[in-house]
C-alpha atoms as a PDB file:
ATOM      1  CA  UNK A   1       0.039  -0.003   0.007  1.00  0.00           C
ATOM      2  CA  UNK A   2       1.363   3.397  -1.052  1.00  0.00           C
ATOM      3  CA  UNK A   3       2.026   5.845   1.793  1.00  0.00           C
ATOM      4  CA  UNK A   4       0.258   9.199   1.401  1.00  0.00           C
ATOM      5  CA  UNK A   5       3.068  11.762   1.964  1.00  0.00           C
ATOM      6  CA  UNK A   6       2.054  15.269   2.920  1.00  0.00           C
ATOM      7  CA  UNK A   7       3.775  18.633   2.351  1.00  0.00           C
ATOM      8  CA  UNK A   8       2.805  21.924   3.851  1.00  0.00           C
ATOM      9  CA  UNK A   9       3.223  24.779   1.374  1.00  0.00           C
ATOM     10  CA  UNK A  10       3.610  28.192   2.910  1.00  0.00           C
ATOM     11  CA  UNK A  11       2.882  30.956   0.341  1.00  0.00           C
ATOM     12  CA  UNK A  12       4.707  33.910   1.912  1.00  0.00           C
ATOM     13  CA  UNK A  13       4.670  36.620  -0.767  1.00  0.00           C
ATOM     14  CA  UNK A  14       7.671  39.046  -0.471  1.00  0.00           C
ATOM     15  CA  UNK A  15       9.763  38.516   2.677  1.00  0.00           C
ATOM     16  CA  UNK A  16      12.880  40.253   3.883  1.00  0.00           C
ATOM     17  CA  UNK A  17      15.891  37.857   3.551  1.00  0.00           C
ATOM     18  CA  UNK A  18      16.924  37.921   7.226  1.00  0.00           C
ATOM     19  CA  UNK A  19      13.314  37.346   8.369  1.00  0.00           C
ATOM     20  CA  UNK A  20      13.115  34.364   6.069  1.00  0.00           C
ATOM     21  CA  UNK A  21      16.419  33.071   7.482  1.00  0.00           C
ATOM     22  CA  UNK A  22      15.175  33.302  11.023  1.00  0.00           C
ATOM     23  CA  UNK A  23      12.000  31.495  10.083  1.00  0.00           C
ATOM     24  CA  UNK A  24      13.933  28.679   8.401  1.00  0.00           C
ATOM     25  CA  UNK A  25      16.110  28.230  11.512  1.00  0.00           C
ATOM     26  CA  UNK A  26      12.955  27.877  13.680  1.00  0.00           C
ATOM     27  CA  UNK A  27      11.322  25.472  11.246  1.00  0.00           C
ATOM     28  CA  UNK A  28      14.473  23.321  10.969  1.00  0.00           C
ATOM     29  CA  UNK A  29      14.547  23.057  14.826  1.00  0.00           C
ATOM     30  CA  UNK A  30      10.868  22.117  14.842  1.00  0.00           C
ATOM     31  CA  UNK A  31      11.313  19.561  12.032  1.00  0.00           C
ATOM     32  CA  UNK A  32      14.216  17.873  13.836  1.00  0.00           C
ATOM     33  CA  UNK A  33      11.929  17.274  16.830  1.00  0.00           C
ATOM     34  CA  UNK A  34       8.973  16.277  14.597  1.00  0.00           C
ATOM     35  CA  UNK A  35       6.896  19.223  15.783  1.00  0.00           C
ATOM     36  CA  UNK A  36       6.053  20.004  12.126  1.00  0.00           C
ATOM     37  CA  UNK A  37       5.713  17.975   8.924  1.00  0.00           C
ATOM     38  CA  UNK A  38       7.845  18.498   5.820  1.00  0.00           C
ATOM     39  CA  UNK A  39       7.296  22.137   4.753  1.00  0.00           C
ATOM     40  CA  UNK A  40       8.304  24.309   1.808  1.00  0.00           C
ATOM     41  CA  UNK A  41       8.354  28.078   1.830  1.00  0.00           C
ATOM     42  CA  UNK A  42       7.395  29.762  -1.445  1.00  0.00           C
ATOM     43  CA  UNK A  43       8.415  33.398  -1.561  1.00  0.00           C
ATOM     44  CA  UNK A  44      10.320  36.292  -3.097  1.00  0.00           C
ATOM     45  CA  UNK A  45      12.850  38.679  -1.606  1.00  0.00           C
ATOM     46  CA  UNK A  46      13.572  42.426  -2.027  1.00  0.00           C
ATOM     47  CA  UNK A  47      16.936  42.841  -3.882  1.00  0.00           C
ATOM     48  CA  UNK A  48      19.483  40.951  -1.803  1.00  0.00           C
ATOM     49  CA  UNK A  49      22.951  39.501  -2.392  1.00  0.00           C
ATOM     50  CA  UNK A  50      23.807  36.482  -0.295  1.00  0.00           C
ATOM     51  CA  UNK A  51      27.103  34.774   0.413  1.00  0.00           C
ATOM     52  CA  UNK A  52      27.514  31.108   1.375  1.00  0.00           C
ATOM     53  CA  UNK A  53      29.660  29.761   4.196  1.00  0.00           C
ATOM     54  CA  UNK A  54      32.804  29.973   2.000  1.00  0.00           C
ATOM     55  CA  UNK A  55      32.622  33.756   2.345  1.00  0.00           C
ATOM     56  CA  UNK A  56      33.757  34.569  -1.155  1.00  0.00           C
ATOM     57  CA  UNK A  57      33.459  38.297  -0.790  1.00  0.00           C
ATOM     58  CA  UNK A  58      35.753  38.832  -3.775  1.00  0.00           C
ATOM     59  CA  UNK A  59      32.926  37.821  -6.091  1.00  0.00           C
ATOM     60  CA  UNK A  60      30.994  40.928  -5.065  1.00  0.00           C
ATOM     61  CA  UNK A  61      32.226  43.372  -7.704  1.00  0.00           C
ATOM     62  CA  UNK A  62      31.146  46.670  -6.124  1.00  0.00           C
ATOM     63  CA  UNK A  63      31.982  48.076  -2.691  1.00  0.00           C
ATOM     64  CA  UNK A  64      29.495  47.091  -0.002  1.00  0.00           C
ATOM     65  CA  UNK A  65      28.972  50.811   0.628  1.00  0.00           C
ATOM     66  CA  UNK A  66      27.530  51.182  -2.848  1.00  0.00           C
ATOM     67  CA  UNK A  67      24.794  48.554  -2.383  1.00  0.00           C
ATOM     68  CA  UNK A  68      22.309  51.032  -0.820  1.00  0.00           C
ATOM     69  CA  UNK A  69      22.509  53.166  -3.960  1.00  0.00           C
ATOM     70  CA  UNK A  70      21.232  50.319  -6.104  1.00  0.00           C
ATOM     71  CA  UNK A  71      18.558  49.336  -3.590  1.00  0.00           C
ATOM     72  CA  UNK A  72      20.189  46.124  -2.444  1.00  0.00           C
ATOM     73  CA  UNK A  73      21.632  44.607   0.722  1.00  0.00           C
ATOM     74  CA  UNK A  74      24.222  41.931   1.484  1.00  0.00           C
ATOM     75  CA  UNK A  75      23.530  38.950   3.828  1.00  0.00           C
ATOM     76  CA  UNK A  76      25.848  36.191   5.057  1.00  0.00           C
ATOM     77  CA  UNK A  77      24.512  32.621   5.373  1.00  0.00           C
ATOM     78  CA  UNK A  78      25.553  29.083   6.269  1.00  0.00           C
ATOM     79  CA  UNK A  79      24.315  27.547   3.004  1.00  0.00           C
ATOM     80  CA  UNK A  80      26.558  25.925   0.447  1.00  0.00           C
ATOM     81  CA  UNK A  81      27.417  27.652  -2.827  1.00  0.00           C
ATOM     82  CA  UNK A  82      28.907  31.013  -3.690  1.00  0.00           C
ATOM     83  CA  UNK A  83      27.419  34.489  -4.034  1.00  0.00           C
ATOM     84  CA  UNK A  84      24.039  34.909  -5.626  1.00  0.00           C
ATOM     85  CA  UNK A  85      21.240  37.453  -6.074  1.00  0.00           C
ATOM     86  CA  UNK A  86      17.656  37.217  -4.907  1.00  0.00           C
ATOM     87  CA  UNK A  87      15.050  39.772  -5.911  1.00  0.00           C
ATOM     88  CA  UNK A  88      11.545  40.479  -7.220  1.00  0.00           C
ATOM     89  CA  UNK A  89      10.233  38.298 -10.059  1.00  0.00           C
ATOM     90  CA  UNK A  90      12.214  35.298  -8.929  1.00  0.00           C
ATOM     91  CA  UNK A  91      10.494  32.130  -7.665  1.00  0.00           C
ATOM     92  CA  UNK A  92      12.182  30.875  -4.526  1.00  0.00           C
ATOM     93  CA  UNK A  93      11.567  27.613  -2.709  1.00  0.00           C
ATOM     94  CA  UNK A  94      13.054  26.827   0.719  1.00  0.00           C
ATOM     95  CA  UNK A  95      12.218  23.189   1.577  1.00  0.00           C
ATOM     96  CA  UNK A  96      12.395  22.226   5.255  1.00  0.00           C
ATOM     97  CA  UNK A  97      12.180  18.439   4.779  1.00  0.00           C
ATOM     98  CA  UNK A  98      13.654  15.287   6.281  1.00  0.00           C
ATOM     99  CA  UNK A  99      15.872  13.509   3.819  1.00  0.00           C
ATOM    100  CA  UNK A 100      16.016  10.498   6.148  1.00  0.00           C
ATOM    101  CA  UNK A 101      12.207  10.132   5.954  1.00  0.00           C
ATOM    102  CA  UNK A 102      12.305  10.369   2.189  1.00  0.00           C
ATOM    103  CA  UNK A 103      15.314   8.004   2.023  1.00  0.00           C
ATOM    104  CA  UNK A 104      17.622  10.024  -0.220  1.00  0.00           C
ATOM    105  CA  UNK A 105      21.074  11.545   0.187  1.00  0.00           C
ATOM    106  CA  UNK A 106      22.443  15.029  -0.347  1.00  0.00           C
ATOM    107  CA  UNK A 107      23.505  14.521  -3.973  1.00  0.00           C
ATOM    108  CA  UNK A 108      20.145  12.986  -5.007  1.00  0.00           C
ATOM    109  CA  UNK A 109      18.384  15.915  -3.194  1.00  0.00           C
ATOM    110  CA  UNK A 110      20.284  18.508  -5.212  1.00  0.00           C
ATOM    111  CA  UNK A 111      19.643  16.586  -8.409  1.00  0.00           C
ATOM    112  CA  UNK A 112      15.930  16.608  -7.725  1.00  0.00           C
ATOM    113  CA  UNK A 113      16.009  20.390  -7.083  1.00  0.00           C
ATOM    114  CA  UNK A 114      17.676  20.771 -10.472  1.00  0.00           C
ATOM    115  CA  UNK A 115      14.984  18.588 -12.076  1.00  0.00           C
ATOM    116  CA  UNK A 116      12.306  20.696 -10.406  1.00  0.00           C
ATOM    117  CA  UNK A 117      13.549  23.791 -12.326  1.00  0.00           C
ATOM    118  CA  UNK A 118      14.221  21.842 -15.533  1.00  0.00           C
ATOM    119  CA  UNK A 119      10.647  20.555 -15.588  1.00  0.00           C
ATOM    120  CA  UNK A 120       9.228  24.016 -14.917  1.00  0.00           C
ATOM    121  CA  UNK A 121      11.258  25.488 -17.831  1.00  0.00           C
ATOM    122  CA  UNK A 122      10.056  22.651 -20.121  1.00  0.00           C
ATOM    123  CA  UNK A 123       6.415  23.710 -19.513  1.00  0.00           C
ATOM    124  CA  UNK A 124       7.276  26.833 -21.519  1.00  0.00           C
ATOM    125  CA  UNK A 125       9.283  25.155 -24.264  1.00  0.00           C
ATOM    126  CA  UNK A 126      12.646  26.032 -22.687  1.00  0.00           C
ATOM    127  CA  UNK A 127      15.285  23.252 -22.762  1.00  0.00           C
ATOM    128  CA  UNK A 128      17.269  23.581 -19.555  1.00  0.00           C
ATOM    129  CA  UNK A 129      19.807  21.193 -18.013  1.00  0.00           C
ATOM    130  CA  UNK A 130      21.951  20.741 -14.927  1.00  0.00           C
ATOM    131  CA  UNK A 131      25.355  22.483 -14.888  1.00  0.00           C
ATOM    132  CA  UNK A 132      28.330  20.715 -16.408  1.00  0.00           C
ATOM    133  CA  UNK A 133      31.921  20.453 -15.094  1.00  0.00           C
ATOM    134  CA  UNK A 134      31.132  21.432 -11.570  1.00  0.00           C
ATOM    135  CA  UNK A 135      28.771  24.227 -12.446  1.00  0.00           C
ATOM    136  CA  UNK A 136      25.893  24.426 -10.008  1.00  0.00           C
ATOM    137  CA  UNK A 137      22.268  25.276 -10.808  1.00  0.00           C
ATOM    138  CA  UNK A 138      20.266  24.975 -14.033  1.00  0.00           C
ATOM    139  CA  UNK A 139      21.290  26.346 -17.367  1.00  0.00           C
ATOM    140  CA  UNK A 140      19.869  27.137 -20.807  1.00  0.00           C
ATOM    141  CA  UNK A 141      22.940  26.719 -23.013  1.00  0.00           C
ATOM    142  CA  UNK A 142      25.666  28.914 -21.454  1.00  0.00           C
ATOM    143  CA  UNK A 143      23.065  31.014 -19.556  1.00  0.00           C
ATOM    144  CA  UNK A 144      22.054  30.337 -15.972  1.00  0.00           C
ATOM    145  CA  UNK A 145      18.350  30.381 -15.238  1.00  0.00           C
ATOM    146  CA  UNK A 146      18.219  28.778 -11.769  1.00  0.00           C
ATOM    147  CA  UNK A 147      20.433  28.731  -8.702  1.00  0.00           C
ATOM    148  CA  UNK A 148      20.729  26.159  -5.903  1.00  0.00           C
ATOM    149  CA  UNK A 149      22.303  26.649  -2.450  1.00  0.00           C
ATOM    150  CA  UNK A 150      21.386  24.258   0.314  1.00  0.00           C
ATOM    151  CA  UNK A 151      22.133  23.516   3.938  1.00  0.00           C
ATOM    152  CA  UNK A 152      21.535  20.074   5.504  1.00  0.00           C
ATOM    153  CA  UNK A 153      21.674  19.649   9.269  1.00  0.00           C
ATOM    154  CA  UNK A 154      21.031  16.186  10.768  1.00  0.00           C
ATOM    155  CA  UNK A 155      19.161  15.267   7.648  1.00  0.00           C
ATOM    156  CA  UNK A 156      16.954  18.320   7.618  1.00  0.00           C
ATOM    157  CA  UNK A 157      17.174  20.732   4.656  1.00  0.00           C
ATOM    158  CA  UNK A 158      17.007  24.497   4.478  1.00  0.00           C
ATOM    159  CA  UNK A 159      17.723  27.215   1.899  1.00  0.00           C
ATOM    160  CA  UNK A 160      17.003  25.797  -1.589  1.00  0.00           C
ATOM    161  CA  UNK A 161      16.475  27.068  -5.106  1.00  0.00           C
ATOM    162  CA  UNK A 162      15.775  30.335  -7.008  1.00  0.00           C
ATOM    163  CA  UNK A 163      14.343  30.290 -10.511  1.00  0.00           C
ATOM    164  CA  UNK A 164      14.491  33.483 -12.600  1.00  0.00           C
ATOM    165  CA  UNK A 165      11.022  34.310 -13.932  1.00  0.00           C
ATOM    166  CA  UNK A 166      11.685  37.904 -14.964  1.00  0.00           C
ATOM    167  CA  UNK A 167      14.054  39.595 -12.450  1.00  0.00           C
ATOM    168  CA  UNK A 168      16.067  42.721 -13.171  1.00  0.00           C
ATOM    169  CA  UNK A 169      19.146  40.978 -14.646  1.00  0.00           C
ATOM    170  CA  UNK A 170      21.349  44.127 -14.224  1.00  0.00           C
ATOM    171  CA  UNK A 171      21.783  43.181 -10.546  1.00  0.00           C
ATOM    172  CA  UNK A 172      23.813  40.125 -11.615  1.00  0.00           C
ATOM    173  CA  UNK A 173      26.413  42.415 -13.238  1.00  0.00           C
ATOM    174  CA  UNK A 174      27.661  43.408  -9.800  1.00  0.00           C
ATOM    175  CA  UNK A 175      28.688  39.854  -8.854  1.00  0.00           C
ATOM    176  CA  UNK A 176      30.343  36.747 -10.256  1.00  0.00           C
ATOM    177  CA  UNK A 177      27.145  34.630  -9.968  1.00  0.00           C
ATOM    178  CA  UNK A 178      27.795  31.486  -7.992  1.00  0.00           C
ATOM    179  CA  UNK A 179      31.523  32.104  -8.492  1.00  0.00           C
ATOM    180  CA  UNK A 180      31.388  31.184 -12.215  1.00  0.00           C
ATOM    181  CA  UNK A 181      33.009  33.889 -14.363  1.00  0.00           C
ATOM    182  CA  UNK A 182      32.215  34.746 -17.976  1.00  0.00           C
ATOM    183  CA  UNK A 183      28.713  33.247 -17.938  1.00  0.00           C
ATOM    184  CA  UNK A 184      25.438  35.013 -18.521  1.00  0.00           C
ATOM    185  CA  UNK A 185      22.320  34.920 -16.397  1.00  0.00           C
ATOM    186  CA  UNK A 186      18.990  34.588 -18.090  1.00  0.00           C
ATOM    187  CA  UNK A 187      15.272  34.351 -17.250  1.00  0.00           C
ATOM    188  CA  UNK A 188      12.159  32.491 -18.344  1.00  0.00           C
ATOM    189  CA  UNK A 189      10.874  35.735 -19.897  1.00  0.00           C
ATOM    190  CA  UNK A 190      13.973  35.992 -22.109  1.00  0.00           C
ATOM    191  CA  UNK A 191      14.074  32.333 -23.133  1.00  0.00           C
ATOM    192  CA  UNK A 192      10.444  31.550 -24.009  1.00  0.00           C
ATOM    193  CA  UNK A 193       8.223  32.552 -26.862  1.00  0.00           C
ATOM    194  CA  UNK A 194       5.186  31.618 -24.728  1.00  0.00           C
ATOM    195  CA  UNK A 195       2.933  34.187 -23.086  1.00  0.00           C
ATOM    196  CA  UNK A 196       3.665  33.878 -19.341  1.00  0.00           C
ATOM    197  CA  UNK A 197       0.815  33.581 -16.840  1.00  0.00           C
ATOM    198  CA  UNK A 198       0.986  35.397 -13.494  1.00  0.00           C
ATOM    199  CA  UNK A 199       4.003  34.827 -11.296  1.00  0.00           C
ATOM    200  CA  UNK A 200       1.720  33.188  -8.675  1.00  0.00           C
ATOM    201  CA  UNK A 201       0.713  30.553 -11.276  1.00  0.00           C
ATOM    202  CA  UNK A 202       4.389  29.914 -12.185  1.00  0.00           C
ATOM    203  CA  UNK A 203       5.299  29.597  -8.487  1.00  0.00           C
ATOM    204  CA  UNK A 204       2.474  27.039  -8.055  1.00  0.00           C
ATOM    205  CA  UNK A 205       3.722  25.130 -11.101  1.00  0.00           C
ATOM    206  CA  UNK A 206       7.229  25.077  -9.534  1.00  0.00           C
ATOM    207  CA  UNK A 207       5.773  23.698  -6.281  1.00  0.00           C
ATOM    208  CA  UNK A 208       3.853  21.024  -8.267  1.00  0.00           C
ATOM    209  CA  UNK A 209       7.059  19.945 -10.025  1.00  0.00           C
ATOM    210  CA  UNK A 210       8.888  19.770  -6.669  1.00  0.00           C
ATOM    211  CA  UNK A 211       6.048  17.788  -5.021  1.00  0.00           C
ATOM    212  CA  UNK A 212       5.865  15.251  -7.834  1.00  0.00           C
ATOM    213  CA  UNK A 213       9.631  14.671  -7.986  1.00  0.00           C
ATOM    214  CA  UNK A 214       9.845  14.238  -4.176  1.00  0.00           C
ATOM    215  CA  UNK A 215       6.758  12.027  -4.025  1.00  0.00           C
ATOM    216  CA  UNK A 216       4.438  14.300  -2.069  1.00  0.00           C
ATOM    217  CA  UNK A 217       0.796  13.432  -2.982  1.00  0.00           C
ATOM    218  CA  UNK A 218      -1.014  15.624  -0.436  1.00  0.00           C
ATOM    219  CA  UNK A 219      -0.283  19.360  -0.523  1.00  0.00           C
ATOM    220  CA  UNK A 220      -1.566  21.496   2.391  1.00  0.00           C
ATOM    221  CA  UNK A 221      -1.592  25.126   1.238  1.00  0.00           C
ATOM    222  CA  UNK A 222      -1.248  27.991   3.739  1.00  0.00           C
ATOM    223  CA  UNK A 223      -1.488  31.706   2.889  1.00  0.00           C
ATOM    224  CA  UNK A 224       0.633  34.356   4.504  1.00  0.00           C
ATOM    225  CA  UNK A 225      -2.112  35.723   6.739  1.00  0.00           C
ATOM    226  CA  UNK A 226      -2.901  32.330   8.169  1.00  0.00           C
ATOM    227  CA  UNK A 227       0.810  31.567   8.719  1.00  0.00           C
ATOM    228  CA  UNK A 228       1.361  34.736  10.737  1.00  0.00           C
ATOM    229  CA  UNK A 229      -1.714  34.080  12.948  1.00  0.00           C
ATOM    230  CA  UNK A 230      -0.614  30.505  13.545  1.00  0.00           C
ATOM    231  CA  UNK A 231       2.758  31.832  14.683  1.00  0.00           C
ATOM    232  CA  UNK A 232       1.185  34.341  17.057  1.00  0.00           C
ATOM    233  CA  UNK A 233       2.025  37.471  14.971  1.00  0.00           C
ATOM    234  CA  UNK A 234      -0.297  40.346  14.237  1.00  0.00           C
END
């Protein structure tokens, strides 16, 4: 008999990066003690550059003092990967799930995250693939359309993936994205001839791809207002 596996989907809207980081830390702690089920946060961020635990500050190409002028901030994290950009019109998923319960390892987890974005791109006639020769993320030819940076603590995941729907790509000119020089960054809008639906629809399609690949058959959707009230916030 097939086990019905459930996933809570928190639709958060736009959330400040550090607020999302604190929320992830709380949810990871709760997931470790089985206070919550597997959960995925679906959101966007205001313009934010983030560095992974390797602290590759040299891949930020403008002085930190100049960031405010372009409306962006810099945050340090404990995820894997190099510097990347998060901003409006980017679909972000932060899965807080137990890899032990699913029965997969770290490499398979990352591969499934890549496939999640590859499948989404294919819905719009865009042929994407995983990076070659140590390149992380998802690519359309030599152009990067999706980034991955994860943290796994005692089998519980956090951070995740960012797929470019139609972000302001000029922000990527100020960094060496994911530490890979001489490569372009692209978006679904640039690569497809299809008319795109609303970003909410695309984000829900991304979640559906994720759920199918990870074997979740029961999705429990939560909107931002309900999430805040459940967590005792006004």
